[in-house]
């Protein structure tokens, strides 16, 4: 009976973790697209405000997210956000495009690694 309860708790926590990482992945994928668009329009003041907000939110998310996923994956997103912030401050559209693509891929990677799939279970 205890084993069955523990199995249910483990599966439940796994589903919850997948849901949370999917939400985070989607949020930062959308952030990369929004920042790409702002850089393309050369709306640097709005881009600065947006990246600052995303960095602030990310730094609040990191402490509890470290329980769920690999620190290296978290560091990749942190670094991509900070590089993007520097590119926006420098008003360098080309570098922004590159870092937006990097942020998008790193965000996708969070959910891919934590998805409740047979490959990840095995």
C-alpha atoms as a PDB file:
ATOM      1  CA  UNK A   1       0.000   0.000   0.000  1.00  0.00           C
ATOM      2  CA  UNK A   2       2.814   2.395   0.907  1.00  0.00           C
ATOM      3  CA  UNK A   3       4.539   1.579  -2.389  1.00  0.00           C
ATOM      4  CA  UNK A   4       1.384   2.421  -4.313  1.00  0.00           C
ATOM      5  CA  UNK A   5       1.040   5.761  -2.516  1.00  0.00           C
ATOM      6  CA  UNK A   6       4.693   6.589  -3.162  1.00  0.00           C
ATOM      7  CA  UNK A   7       4.300   5.658  -6.829  1.00  0.00           C
ATOM      8  CA  UNK A   8       1.273   7.955  -7.131  1.00  0.00           C
ATOM      9  CA  UNK A   9       3.122  10.786  -5.406  1.00  0.00           C
ATOM     10  CA  UNK A  10       6.151  10.310  -7.658  1.00  0.00           C
ATOM     11  CA  UNK A  11       4.036  10.306 -10.822  1.00  0.00           C
ATOM     12  CA  UNK A  12       2.070  13.320  -9.593  1.00  0.00           C
ATOM     13  CA  UNK A  13       5.225  15.284  -8.832  1.00  0.00           C
ATOM     14  CA  UNK A  14       6.649  14.298 -12.221  1.00  0.00           C
ATOM     15  CA  UNK A  15       3.555  15.592 -14.007  1.00  0.00           C
ATOM     16  CA  UNK A  16       3.639  18.814 -11.994  1.00  0.00           C
ATOM     17  CA  UNK A  17       7.346  19.331 -12.760  1.00  0.00           C
ATOM     18  CA  UNK A  18       6.722  18.773 -16.458  1.00  0.00           C
ATOM     19  CA  UNK A  19       3.878  21.293 -16.439  1.00  0.00           C
ATOM     20  CA  UNK A  20       6.016  23.904 -14.674  1.00  0.00           C
ATOM     21  CA  UNK A  21       9.012  23.458 -16.957  1.00  0.00           C
ATOM     22  CA  UNK A  22       6.737  23.621 -20.004  1.00  0.00           C
ATOM     23  CA  UNK A  23       5.311  26.940 -18.780  1.00  0.00           C
ATOM     24  CA  UNK A  24       8.792  28.328 -18.165  1.00  0.00           C
ATOM     25  CA  UNK A  25      10.002  27.128 -21.561  1.00  0.00           C
ATOM     26  CA  UNK A  26       7.076  28.744 -23.325  1.00  0.00           C
ATOM     27  CA  UNK A  27       7.535  32.000 -21.413  1.00  0.00           C
ATOM     28  CA  UNK A  28      11.171  32.406 -22.386  1.00  0.00           C
ATOM     29  CA  UNK A  29      10.623  31.224 -25.955  1.00  0.00           C
ATOM     30  CA  UNK A  30       8.001  33.972 -26.230  1.00  0.00           C
ATOM     31  CA  UNK A  31      10.463  36.395 -24.610  1.00  0.00           C
ATOM     32  CA  UNK A  32      13.047  35.644 -27.279  1.00  0.00           C
ATOM     33  CA  UNK A  33      10.499  36.295 -30.022  1.00  0.00           C
ATOM     34  CA  UNK A  34       9.318  39.529 -28.388  1.00  0.00           C
ATOM     35  CA  UNK A  35      12.872  40.789 -27.962  1.00  0.00           C
ATOM     36  CA  UNK A  36      13.741  39.796 -31.540  1.00  0.00           C
ATOM     37  CA  UNK A  37      10.811  41.865 -32.785  1.00  0.00           C
ATOM     38  CA  UNK A  38      11.789  44.853 -30.637  1.00  0.00           C
ATOM     39  CA  UNK A  39      15.389  44.674 -31.871  1.00  0.00           C
ATOM     40  CA  UNK A  40      14.143  44.418 -35.452  1.00  0.00           C
ATOM     41  CA  UNK A  41      12.043  47.568 -34.938  1.00  0.00           C
ATOM     42  CA  UNK A  42      14.999  49.231 -33.144  1.00  0.00           C
ATOM     43  CA  UNK A  43      12.737  50.004 -30.179  1.00  0.00           C
ATOM     44  CA  UNK A  44      15.675  49.936 -27.771  1.00  0.00           C
ATOM     45  CA  UNK A  45      13.997  51.665 -24.835  1.00  0.00           C
ATOM     46  CA  UNK A  46      11.110  49.179 -24.830  1.00  0.00           C
ATOM     47  CA  UNK A  47      13.552  46.289 -25.344  1.00  0.00           C
ATOM     48  CA  UNK A  48      15.582  47.466 -22.334  1.00  0.00           C
ATOM     49  CA  UNK A  49      12.457  47.516 -20.171  1.00  0.00           C
ATOM     50  CA  UNK A  50      11.341  44.077 -21.387  1.00  0.00           C
ATOM     51  CA  UNK A  51      14.717  42.370 -20.889  1.00  0.00           C
ATOM     52  CA  UNK A  52      15.038  43.913 -17.418  1.00  0.00           C
ATOM     53  CA  UNK A  53      11.627  42.503 -16.484  1.00  0.00           C
ATOM     54  CA  UNK A  54      12.496  39.054 -17.837  1.00  0.00           C
ATOM     55  CA  UNK A  55      15.839  39.036 -16.015  1.00  0.00           C
ATOM     56  CA  UNK A  56      14.128  39.991 -12.776  1.00  0.00           C
ATOM     57  CA  UNK A  57      11.511  37.242 -13.197  1.00  0.00           C
ATOM     58  CA  UNK A  58      14.182  34.701 -14.115  1.00  0.00           C
ATOM     59  CA  UNK A  59      16.245  35.488 -11.025  1.00  0.00           C
ATOM     60  CA  UNK A  60      13.160  34.898  -8.875  1.00  0.00           C
ATOM     61  CA  UNK A  61      12.445  31.614 -10.656  1.00  0.00           C
ATOM     62  CA  UNK A  62      15.960  30.170 -10.438  1.00  0.00           C
ATOM     63  CA  UNK A  63      16.055  29.201  -6.718  1.00  0.00           C
ATOM     64  CA  UNK A  64      13.094  26.812  -6.861  1.00  0.00           C
ATOM     65  CA  UNK A  65      13.782  25.731 -10.443  1.00  0.00           C
ATOM     66  CA  UNK A  66      17.180  24.381  -9.383  1.00  0.00           C
ATOM     67  CA  UNK A  67      15.300  21.667  -7.514  1.00  0.00           C
ATOM     68  CA  UNK A  68      13.750  20.429 -10.763  1.00  0.00           C
ATOM     69  CA  UNK A  69      16.413  20.734 -13.436  1.00  0.00           C
ATOM     70  CA  UNK A  70      20.121  20.679 -14.108  1.00  0.00           C
ATOM     71  CA  UNK A  71      22.092  23.750 -12.997  1.00  0.00           C
ATOM     72  CA  UNK A  72      23.860  23.882 -16.350  1.00  0.00           C
ATOM     73  CA  UNK A  73      20.551  24.394 -18.153  1.00  0.00           C
ATOM     74  CA  UNK A  74      19.671  27.218 -15.767  1.00  0.00           C
ATOM     75  CA  UNK A  75      23.081  28.807 -16.283  1.00  0.00           C
ATOM     76  CA  UNK A  76      22.619  28.652 -20.072  1.00  0.00           C
ATOM     77  CA  UNK A  77      19.416  30.680 -19.865  1.00  0.00           C
ATOM     78  CA  UNK A  78      20.882  33.114 -17.348  1.00  0.00           C
ATOM     79  CA  UNK A  79      23.863  33.694 -19.613  1.00  0.00           C
ATOM     80  CA  UNK A  80      21.664  34.104 -22.708  1.00  0.00           C
ATOM     81  CA  UNK A  81      19.501  36.680 -20.909  1.00  0.00           C
ATOM     82  CA  UNK A  82      22.533  38.610 -19.675  1.00  0.00           C
ATOM     83  CA  UNK A  83      24.139  38.584 -23.139  1.00  0.00           C
ATOM     84  CA  UNK A  84      20.877  39.762 -24.630  1.00  0.00           C
ATOM     85  CA  UNK A  85      20.725  42.543 -22.051  1.00  0.00           C
ATOM     86  CA  UNK A  86      24.227  43.668 -23.057  1.00  0.00           C
ATOM     87  CA  UNK A  87      23.343  43.567 -26.762  1.00  0.00           C
ATOM     88  CA  UNK A  88      20.256  45.670 -26.172  1.00  0.00           C
ATOM     89  CA  UNK A  89      22.260  48.175 -24.127  1.00  0.00           C
ATOM     90  CA  UNK A  90      24.754  48.378 -27.020  1.00  0.00           C
ATOM     91  CA  UNK A  91      21.889  48.634 -29.532  1.00  0.00           C
ATOM     92  CA  UNK A  92      23.432  45.863 -31.607  1.00  0.00           C
ATOM     93  CA  UNK A  93      20.606  44.267 -33.581  1.00  0.00           C
ATOM     94  CA  UNK A  94      22.711  41.499 -35.133  1.00  0.00           C
ATOM     95  CA  UNK A  95      23.987  40.293 -31.769  1.00  0.00           C
ATOM     96  CA  UNK A  96      20.433  40.538 -30.403  1.00  0.00           C
ATOM     97  CA  UNK A  97      19.186  38.240 -33.150  1.00  0.00           C
ATOM     98  CA  UNK A  98      21.855  35.663 -32.322  1.00  0.00           C
ATOM     99  CA  UNK A  99      21.194  35.814 -28.591  1.00  0.00           C
ATOM    100  CA  UNK A 100      17.436  35.624 -29.099  1.00  0.00           C
ATOM    101  CA  UNK A 101      17.971  32.399 -31.029  1.00  0.00           C
ATOM    102  CA  UNK A 102      20.223  31.091 -28.258  1.00  0.00           C
ATOM    103  CA  UNK A 103      17.672  31.996 -25.576  1.00  0.00           C
ATOM    104  CA  UNK A 104      14.899  30.294 -27.537  1.00  0.00           C
ATOM    105  CA  UNK A 105      16.893  27.086 -27.951  1.00  0.00           C
ATOM    106  CA  UNK A 106      17.947  27.034 -24.292  1.00  0.00           C
ATOM    107  CA  UNK A 107      14.358  27.593 -23.174  1.00  0.00           C
ATOM    108  CA  UNK A 108      13.155  24.752 -25.404  1.00  0.00           C
ATOM    109  CA  UNK A 109      15.840  22.543 -23.937  1.00  0.00           C
ATOM    110  CA  UNK A 110      14.486  22.957 -20.391  1.00  0.00           C
ATOM    111  CA  UNK A 111      11.175  21.328 -21.225  1.00  0.00           C
ATOM    112  CA  UNK A 112      12.664  18.778 -23.598  1.00  0.00           C
ATOM    113  CA  UNK A 113      14.965  17.465 -20.862  1.00  0.00           C
ATOM    114  CA  UNK A 114      12.186  17.353 -18.289  1.00  0.00           C
ATOM    115  CA  UNK A 115       9.314  16.154 -20.500  1.00  0.00           C
ATOM    116  CA  UNK A 116       7.432  13.116 -19.266  1.00  0.00           C
ATOM    117  CA  UNK A 117       8.439  10.853 -22.130  1.00  0.00           C
ATOM    118  CA  UNK A 118       9.549   7.256 -22.411  1.00  0.00           C
ATOM    119  CA  UNK A 119      13.087   8.352 -23.336  1.00  0.00           C
ATOM    120  CA  UNK A 120      13.394  10.481 -20.211  1.00  0.00           C
ATOM    121  CA  UNK A 121      11.805   7.860 -17.970  1.00  0.00           C
ATOM    122  CA  UNK A 122      14.157   5.148 -19.121  1.00  0.00           C
END
